[in-house]
């Protein structure tokens, strides 16, 4: 009987360790995927900024991701929200001749 109890406890502990280990790796994979998607979306925003610049000879004079996305949607540069505007910052500099675009940490 003591051996059966010991085996049962070992199986339960082993199962808990394996399940927790997989859960941690899944969280890491999801975080890495989210980072990759946000980076790709930010690259698309940068491309749209360059198209906007070619049309207007300046970058949009708005501040913040939400205002930038709203402007692009209103003027037909994008059809939908490619990402949550709260995850990145946008700001024009040098009188609209350059900009700062970065993911919030």
Protein backbone atom coordinates (compact mmCIF):
# COMPACT_ATOMS: atom_id res chain seq x y z
CA UNK A 1 0.00 0.00 0.00
CA UNK A 2 2.74 2.57 0.79
CA UNK A 3 4.26 1.94 -2.65
CA UNK A 4 0.89 2.58 -4.33
CA UNK A 5 0.50 5.83 -2.40
CA UNK A 6 4.03 6.88 -3.32
CA UNK A 7 3.43 6.08 -6.99
CA UNK A 8 0.14 7.99 -7.00
CA UNK A 9 1.72 11.06 -5.40
CA UNK A 10 4.61 10.91 -7.88
CA UNK A 11 2.21 10.73 -10.82
CA UNK A 12 0.17 13.67 -9.54
CA UNK A 13 3.24 15.83 -8.91
CA UNK A 14 4.71 14.89 -12.28
CA UNK A 15 1.49 15.79 -14.06
CA UNK A 16 1.29 19.16 -12.31
CA UNK A 17 4.88 19.98 -13.25
CA UNK A 18 4.36 19.02 -16.89
CA UNK A 19 1.11 20.97 -17.19
CA UNK A 20 2.61 24.08 -15.56
CA UNK A 21 5.70 23.84 -17.75
CA UNK A 22 3.59 23.73 -20.91
CA UNK A 23 1.45 26.65 -19.72
CA UNK A 24 4.54 28.82 -19.19
CA UNK A 25 5.89 28.00 -22.64
CA UNK A 26 2.50 28.78 -24.19
CA UNK A 27 2.48 32.20 -22.53
CA UNK A 28 5.97 32.88 -23.87
CA UNK A 29 4.95 31.84 -27.38
CA UNK A 30 1.86 34.07 -27.29
CA UNK A 31 3.91 37.03 -26.03
CA UNK A 32 6.50 36.52 -28.79
CA UNK A 33 3.76 36.28 -31.43
CA UNK A 34 2.08 39.45 -30.16
CA UNK A 35 5.40 41.30 -30.31
CA UNK A 36 5.99 40.10 -33.87
CA UNK A 37 2.49 41.12 -35.02
CA UNK A 38 2.81 44.54 -33.41
CA UNK A 39 6.16 45.06 -35.12
CA UNK A 40 4.70 44.10 -38.51
CA UNK A 41 1.72 46.40 -38.00
CA UNK A 42 4.01 49.25 -36.99
CA UNK A 43 5.97 48.68 -40.20
CA UNK A 44 2.72 48.99 -42.16
CA UNK A 45 1.92 52.26 -40.36
CA UNK A 46 5.37 53.56 -41.32
CA UNK A 47 4.64 52.66 -44.95
CA UNK A 48 1.31 54.52 -44.83
CA UNK A 49 3.12 57.51 -43.30
CA UNK A 50 5.43 57.61 -46.33
CA UNK A 51 2.46 57.48 -48.74
CA UNK A 52 0.80 60.29 -46.77
CA UNK A 53 4.03 62.31 -46.98
CA UNK A 54 4.17 61.88 -50.77
CA UNK A 55 0.60 63.19 -51.02
CA UNK A 56 0.93 66.13 -48.59
CA UNK A 57 4.67 67.00 -48.45
CA UNK A 58 4.53 66.62 -44.67
CA UNK A 59 3.73 63.98 -42.10
CA UNK A 60 0.40 64.17 -40.26
CA UNK A 61 0.40 66.84 -37.55
CA UNK A 62 -1.35 64.73 -34.92
CA UNK A 63 -0.08 63.33 -31.67
CA UNK A 64 -0.69 59.81 -30.48
CA UNK A 65 -1.62 56.55 -32.10
CA UNK A 66 -5.40 56.94 -31.91
CA UNK A 67 -5.41 60.31 -33.70
CA UNK A 68 -3.08 58.98 -36.38
CA UNK A 69 -5.21 55.90 -37.05
CA UNK A 70 -8.40 58.01 -37.10
CA UNK A 71 -6.85 60.42 -39.63
CA UNK A 72 -5.71 57.57 -41.87
CA UNK A 73 -9.19 56.01 -41.79
CA UNK A 74 -10.95 59.34 -42.48
CA UNK A 75 -8.69 60.10 -45.45
CA UNK A 76 -8.92 56.57 -46.87
CA UNK A 77 -5.33 55.47 -46.28
CA UNK A 78 -6.45 52.45 -44.27
CA UNK A 79 -9.76 50.60 -44.07
CA UNK A 80 -9.60 49.19 -40.57
CA UNK A 81 -7.62 49.50 -37.38
CA UNK A 82 -4.48 47.42 -37.90
CA UNK A 83 -3.61 47.43 -34.21
CA UNK A 84 -4.60 48.91 -30.92
CA UNK A 85 -3.44 52.55 -31.12
CA UNK A 86 -2.64 52.48 -27.40
CA UNK A 87 0.36 50.25 -27.98
CA UNK A 88 2.35 52.77 -30.02
CA UNK A 89 3.32 56.44 -29.95
CA UNK A 90 3.45 58.81 -32.89
CA UNK A 91 4.69 62.37 -32.94
CA UNK A 92 5.80 64.70 -35.72
CA UNK A 93 9.04 66.63 -35.43
CA UNK A 94 10.81 69.27 -37.49
CA UNK A 95 7.59 70.95 -38.58
CA UNK A 96 6.07 67.80 -40.06
CA UNK A 97 9.20 66.79 -41.96
CA UNK A 98 10.01 63.82 -39.75
CA UNK A 99 8.34 61.73 -37.08
CA UNK A 100 8.86 59.44 -34.11
CA UNK A 101 6.98 56.13 -34.23
CA UNK A 102 7.59 53.55 -31.53
CA UNK A 103 5.94 50.72 -29.64
CA UNK A 104 5.13 51.48 -26.02
CA UNK A 105 7.11 49.32 -23.63
